[in-house]
Amino acid sequence: MTLRKLTDDNFAEMILNAPGAVMVDFYAGWCRWCRVMEPNVVRLAEDAETAGKVFTADIDSLPETAGKYNIRTVPTLIVFSGGEEVCRKTGTRSFRAMKKMLLQAGGEK
């Protein structure tokens, strides 16, 4: 599975209108810690319990959305459910910690 990348144009459709809980990894290509965390994000996107519920958003490519959600630090993980933000963490996270965030927000299949 390939990580699904978001844009300002498809954010509402893909995230706010999504059934169940979804996680967005707000990152930047120039961010060292984002690159360190990327394998865990990819693994989470491929995980059987969370497949299809993980998206990435390059803050430099979607400035409107990054501003709306007040993204000031990358990486920032936000879990949305029913179109509402339900959990936010900044900084690097392990695969296990990210999976727990998503599943606790109702991301179980």
N, C-alpha and C. Protein backbone atom coordinates (compact mmCIF):
# COMPACT_ATOMS: atom_id res chain seq x y z
N MET A 1 0.84 -1.18 0.00
CA MET A 1 0.00 0.00 0.00
C MET A 1 0.88 1.24 0.00
N THR A 2 0.53 2.18 -0.80
CA THR A 2 1.23 3.45 -0.86
C THR A 2 0.54 4.44 0.07
N LEU A 3 1.34 5.25 0.73
CA LEU A 3 0.75 6.29 1.57
C LEU A 3 -0.04 7.24 0.69
N ARG A 4 -1.20 7.61 1.16
CA ARG A 4 -2.02 8.54 0.41
C ARG A 4 -1.70 9.96 0.85
N LYS A 5 -1.33 10.78 -0.13
CA LYS A 5 -0.92 12.16 0.16
C LYS A 5 -2.10 13.09 -0.01
N LEU A 6 -2.18 14.04 0.88
CA LEU A 6 -3.28 15.00 0.88
C LEU A 6 -2.86 16.33 0.27
N THR A 7 -3.86 17.05 -0.22
CA THR A 7 -3.69 18.41 -0.72
C THR A 7 -4.75 19.28 -0.09
N ASP A 8 -4.62 20.59 -0.24
CA ASP A 8 -5.66 21.49 0.24
C ASP A 8 -7.00 21.15 -0.42
N ASP A 9 -6.95 20.71 -1.68
CA ASP A 9 -8.17 20.44 -2.43
C ASP A 9 -8.89 19.15 -2.01
N ASN A 10 -8.15 18.13 -1.57
CA ASN A 10 -8.82 16.87 -1.24
C ASN A 10 -8.91 16.58 0.25
N PHE A 11 -8.44 17.48 1.10
CA PHE A 11 -8.41 17.23 2.54
C PHE A 11 -9.81 16.96 3.10
N ALA A 12 -10.76 17.80 2.80
CA ALA A 12 -12.11 17.63 3.34
C ALA A 12 -12.71 16.29 2.88
N GLU A 13 -12.58 16.00 1.61
CA GLU A 13 -13.15 14.76 1.07
C GLU A 13 -12.52 13.53 1.71
N MET A 14 -11.20 13.52 1.81
CA MET A 14 -10.49 12.34 2.28
C MET A 14 -10.48 12.19 3.81
N ILE A 15 -10.50 13.30 4.53
CA ILE A 15 -10.34 13.24 5.99
C ILE A 15 -11.64 13.59 6.73
N LEU A 16 -12.17 14.75 6.44
CA LEU A 16 -13.34 15.22 7.20
C LEU A 16 -14.60 14.42 6.89
N ASN A 17 -14.67 13.84 5.71
CA ASN A 17 -15.83 13.04 5.32
C ASN A 17 -15.57 11.55 5.41
N ALA A 18 -14.44 11.16 5.97
CA ALA A 18 -14.08 9.74 6.06
C ALA A 18 -14.89 9.03 7.14
N PRO A 19 -15.30 7.79 6.86
CA PRO A 19 -15.97 7.02 7.91
C PRO A 19 -14.92 6.52 8.91
N GLY A 20 -15.23 6.56 10.17
CA GLY A 20 -14.30 6.07 11.19
C GLY A 20 -13.16 7.03 11.44
N ALA A 21 -12.18 6.54 12.16
CA ALA A 21 -11.02 7.35 12.52
C ALA A 21 -9.94 7.25 11.45
N VAL A 22 -9.28 8.37 11.19
CA VAL A 22 -8.15 8.42 10.25
C VAL A 22 -7.04 9.25 10.87
N MET A 23 -5.80 8.91 10.52
CA MET A 23 -4.65 9.65 11.04
C MET A 23 -3.97 10.40 9.91
N VAL A 24 -3.58 11.63 10.20
CA VAL A 24 -2.83 12.43 9.24
C VAL A 24 -1.46 12.73 9.85
N ASP A 25 -0.43 12.39 9.09
CA ASP A 25 0.95 12.71 9.46
C ASP A 25 1.32 13.99 8.73
N PHE A 26 1.33 15.11 9.46
CA PHE A 26 1.78 16.38 8.89
C PHE A 26 3.30 16.40 8.99
N TYR A 27 3.96 16.53 7.85
CA TYR A 27 5.41 16.45 7.80
C TYR A 27 5.96 17.50 6.83
N ALA A 28 7.28 17.55 6.74
CA ALA A 28 7.95 18.40 5.75
C ALA A 28 9.13 17.61 5.21
N GLY A 29 9.37 17.75 3.91
CA GLY A 29 10.47 17.03 3.27
C GLY A 29 11.83 17.39 3.84
N TRP A 30 11.97 18.60 4.37
CA TRP A 30 13.25 19.05 4.92
C TRP A 30 13.44 18.65 6.38
N CYS A 31 12.44 18.02 6.99
CA CYS A 31 12.46 17.70 8.42
C CYS A 31 13.14 16.35 8.67
N ARG A 32 14.26 16.39 9.37
CA ARG A 32 15.01 15.17 9.68
C ARG A 32 14.17 14.19 10.48
N TRP A 33 13.45 14.65 11.49
CA TRP A 33 12.67 13.77 12.35
C TRP A 33 11.49 13.17 11.61
N CYS A 34 10.98 13.87 10.63
CA CYS A 34 9.90 13.32 9.79
C CYS A 34 10.42 12.14 8.99
N ARG A 35 11.62 12.27 8.47
CA ARG A 35 12.23 11.17 7.71
C ARG A 35 12.53 9.98 8.62
N VAL A 36 12.93 10.25 9.85
CA VAL A 36 13.18 9.17 10.82
C VAL A 36 11.89 8.40 11.10
N MET A 37 10.78 9.09 11.20
CA MET A 37 9.50 8.48 11.54
C MET A 37 8.80 7.84 10.33
N GLU A 38 9.21 8.19 9.12
CA GLU A 38 8.52 7.72 7.92
C GLU A 38 8.34 6.20 7.85
N PRO A 39 9.34 5.38 8.18
CA PRO A 39 9.13 3.93 8.11
C PRO A 39 7.98 3.44 9.02
N ASN A 40 7.82 4.07 10.17
CA ASN A 40 6.72 3.70 11.06
C ASN A 40 5.37 4.11 10.47
N VAL A 41 5.33 5.25 9.80
CA VAL A 41 4.09 5.70 9.15
C VAL A 41 3.73 4.75 8.01
N VAL A 42 4.71 4.37 7.22
CA VAL A 42 4.48 3.43 6.13
C VAL A 42 3.99 2.09 6.69
N ARG A 43 4.65 1.61 7.72
CA ARG A 43 4.26 0.34 8.35
C ARG A 43 2.82 0.41 8.86
N LEU A 44 2.45 1.53 9.46
CA LEU A 44 1.08 1.70 9.96
C LEU A 44 0.08 1.69 8.81
N ALA A 45 0.42 2.31 7.70
CA ALA A 45 -0.46 2.34 6.53
C ALA A 45 -0.65 0.94 5.95
N GLU A 46 0.33 0.06 6.15
CA GLU A 46 0.27 -1.30 5.62
C GLU A 46 -0.28 -2.30 6.63
N ASP A 47 -0.45 -1.89 7.87
CA ASP A 47 -0.92 -2.77 8.93
C ASP A 47 -2.37 -3.20 8.66
N ALA A 48 -2.67 -4.47 8.87
CA ALA A 48 -4.00 -5.00 8.57
C ALA A 48 -5.11 -4.28 9.33
N GLU A 49 -4.86 -3.91 10.57
CA GLU A 49 -5.90 -3.26 11.38
C GLU A 49 -6.11 -1.80 11.00
N THR A 50 -5.10 -1.16 10.44
CA THR A 50 -5.19 0.28 10.20
C THR A 50 -5.05 0.66 8.73
N ALA A 51 -4.94 -0.31 7.83
CA ALA A 51 -4.78 -0.03 6.40
C ALA A 51 -5.91 0.86 5.89
N GLY A 52 -5.54 1.84 5.10
CA GLY A 52 -6.53 2.74 4.53
C GLY A 52 -6.93 3.88 5.43
N LYS A 53 -6.31 3.97 6.59
CA LYS A 53 -6.70 5.00 7.55
C LYS A 53 -5.56 5.96 7.86
N VAL A 54 -4.47 5.88 7.10
CA VAL A 54 -3.30 6.71 7.35
C VAL A 54 -2.98 7.54 6.11
N PHE A 55 -2.81 8.83 6.32
CA PHE A 55 -2.55 9.77 5.24
C PHE A 55 -1.35 10.63 5.61
N THR A 56 -0.68 11.19 4.60
CA THR A 56 0.41 12.12 4.84
C THR A 56 0.06 13.47 4.24
N ALA A 57 0.57 14.51 4.87
CA ALA A 57 0.31 15.87 4.41
C ALA A 57 1.58 16.70 4.54
N ASP A 58 2.18 17.03 3.41
CA ASP A 58 3.38 17.86 3.38
C ASP A 58 2.96 19.30 3.62
N ILE A 59 3.38 19.87 4.74
CA ILE A 59 2.91 21.21 5.10
C ILE A 59 3.28 22.27 4.07
N ASP A 60 4.34 22.04 3.32
CA ASP A 60 4.74 22.99 2.29
C ASP A 60 3.84 22.90 1.06
N SER A 61 3.14 21.79 0.90
CA SER A 61 2.25 21.60 -0.24
C SER A 61 0.80 21.92 0.07
N LEU A 62 0.46 22.02 1.34
CA LEU A 62 -0.91 22.40 1.70
C LEU A 62 -0.92 23.44 2.81
N PRO A 63 -0.45 24.64 2.48
CA PRO A 63 -0.34 25.69 3.48
C PRO A 63 -1.67 26.12 4.10
N GLU A 64 -2.74 26.08 3.32
CA GLU A 64 -4.05 26.47 3.84
C GLU A 64 -4.49 25.52 4.95
N THR A 65 -4.39 24.24 4.70
CA THR A 65 -4.79 23.24 5.70
C THR A 65 -3.86 23.27 6.90
N ALA A 66 -2.56 23.37 6.67
CA ALA A 66 -1.60 23.43 7.78
C ALA A 66 -1.89 24.63 8.67
N GLY A 67 -2.25 25.76 8.07
CA GLY A 67 -2.60 26.94 8.84
C GLY A 67 -3.89 26.74 9.61
N LYS A 68 -4.88 26.15 8.97
CA LYS A 68 -6.19 25.92 9.62
C LYS A 68 -6.04 25.07 10.87
N TYR A 69 -5.15 24.08 10.81
CA TYR A 69 -4.95 23.19 11.95
C TYR A 69 -3.77 23.60 12.83
N ASN A 70 -3.26 24.80 12.60
CA ASN A 70 -2.21 25.38 13.44
C ASN A 70 -1.00 24.46 13.58
N ILE A 71 -0.54 23.95 12.46
CA ILE A 71 0.64 23.07 12.48
C ILE A 71 1.87 23.95 12.55
N ARG A 72 2.54 23.93 13.68
CA ARG A 72 3.73 24.75 13.91
C ARG A 72 4.99 23.91 14.09
N THR A 73 4.79 22.62 14.35
CA THR A 73 5.90 21.69 14.58
C THR A 73 5.66 20.45 13.73
N VAL A 74 6.72 19.96 13.12
CA VAL A 74 6.61 18.70 12.40
C VAL A 74 7.66 17.73 12.95
N PRO A 75 7.34 16.47 13.01
CA PRO A 75 6.07 15.88 12.61
C PRO A 75 4.97 16.13 13.63
N THR A 76 3.74 16.26 13.12
CA THR A 76 2.54 16.34 13.95
C THR A 76 1.57 15.29 13.44
N LEU A 77 1.08 14.47 14.34
CA LEU A 77 0.08 13.46 14.01
C LEU A 77 -1.26 13.92 14.56
N ILE A 78 -2.28 13.91 13.72
CA ILE A 78 -3.64 14.24 14.17
C ILE A 78 -4.56 13.10 13.76
N VAL A 79 -5.36 12.64 14.71
CA VAL A 79 -6.38 11.64 14.43
C VAL A 79 -7.72 12.38 14.37
N PHE A 80 -8.45 12.13 13.29
CA PHE A 80 -9.78 12.70 13.09
C PHE A 80 -10.80 11.58 13.13
N SER A 81 -11.96 11.88 13.68
CA SER A 81 -13.08 10.94 13.67
C SER A 81 -14.35 11.75 13.50
N GLY A 82 -15.15 11.38 12.54
CA GLY A 82 -16.38 12.13 12.27
C GLY A 82 -16.11 13.56 11.87
N GLY A 83 -14.96 13.80 11.25
CA GLY A 83 -14.61 15.14 10.80
C GLY A 83 -14.04 16.05 11.88
N GLU A 84 -13.88 15.53 13.09
CA GLU A 84 -13.36 16.32 14.20
C GLU A 84 -12.01 15.79 14.66
N GLU A 85 -11.15 16.70 15.08
CA GLU A 85 -9.87 16.29 15.66
C GLU A 85 -10.12 15.67 17.02
N VAL A 86 -9.60 14.45 17.24
CA VAL A 86 -9.80 13.78 18.52
C VAL A 86 -8.50 13.52 19.27
N CYS A 87 -7.36 13.62 18.57
CA CYS A 87 -6.08 13.37 19.23
C CYS A 87 -4.98 14.04 18.41
N ARG A 88 -4.00 14.63 19.10
CA ARG A 88 -2.87 15.27 18.43
C ARG A 88 -1.60 15.01 19.24
N LYS A 89 -0.55 14.64 18.53
CA LYS A 89 0.77 14.44 19.14
C LYS A 89 1.81 15.05 18.21
N THR A 90 2.80 15.71 18.79
CA THR A 90 3.90 16.25 18.00
C THR A 90 5.17 15.48 18.35
N GLY A 91 6.10 15.50 17.41
CA GLY A 91 7.36 14.79 17.61
C GLY A 91 7.27 13.37 17.10
N THR A 92 8.40 12.68 17.12
CA THR A 92 8.44 11.32 16.59
C THR A 92 7.69 10.37 17.51
N ARG A 93 7.12 9.35 16.90
CA ARG A 93 6.37 8.33 17.63
C ARG A 93 6.72 6.96 17.06
N SER A 94 6.67 5.97 17.91
CA SER A 94 6.91 4.60 17.47
C SER A 94 5.68 4.08 16.73
N PHE A 95 5.87 2.99 16.00
CA PHE A 95 4.76 2.33 15.33
C PHE A 95 3.67 2.00 16.34
N ARG A 96 4.06 1.40 17.45
CA ARG A 96 3.09 0.98 18.47
C ARG A 96 2.30 2.17 19.03
N ALA A 97 2.99 3.28 19.28
CA ALA A 97 2.31 4.47 19.82
C ALA A 97 1.32 5.06 18.81
N MET A 98 1.72 5.09 17.53
CA MET A 98 0.81 5.61 16.51
C MET A 98 -0.40 4.70 16.34
N LYS A 99 -0.18 3.40 16.33
CA LYS A 99 -1.29 2.47 16.18
C LYS A 99 -2.25 2.60 17.35
N LYS A 100 -1.73 2.74 18.54
CA LYS A 100 -2.58 2.91 19.73
C LYS A 100 -3.42 4.17 19.63
N MET A 101 -2.80 5.27 19.17
CA MET A 101 -3.56 6.52 19.00
C MET A 101 -4.75 6.30 18.06
N LEU A 102 -4.51 5.67 16.95
CA LEU A 102 -5.55 5.48 15.94
C LEU A 102 -6.63 4.53 16.42
N LEU A 103 -6.24 3.41 17.00
CA LEU A 103 -7.23 2.43 17.45
C LEU A 103 -8.05 2.93 18.63
N GLN A 104 -7.45 3.70 19.52
CA GLN A 104 -8.21 4.24 20.65
C GLN A 104 -9.24 5.26 20.20
N ALA A 105 -9.01 5.87 19.04
CA ALA A 105 -9.96 6.85 18.52
C ALA A 105 -11.09 6.19 17.74
N GLY A 106 -11.08 4.87 17.67
CA GLY A 106 -12.15 4.18 16.98
C GLY A 106 -11.76 3.69 15.61
N GLY A 107 -10.46 3.48 15.39
CA GLY A 107 -10.01 3.06 14.08
C GLY A 107 -10.00 1.57 13.85
N GLU A 108 -10.55 0.78 14.79
CA GLU A 108 -10.57 -0.66 14.57
C GLU A 108 -11.48 -0.99 13.41
N LYS A 109 -11.14 -2.07 12.72
CA LYS A 109 -11.99 -2.56 11.63
C LYS A 109 -13.09 -3.38 12.21
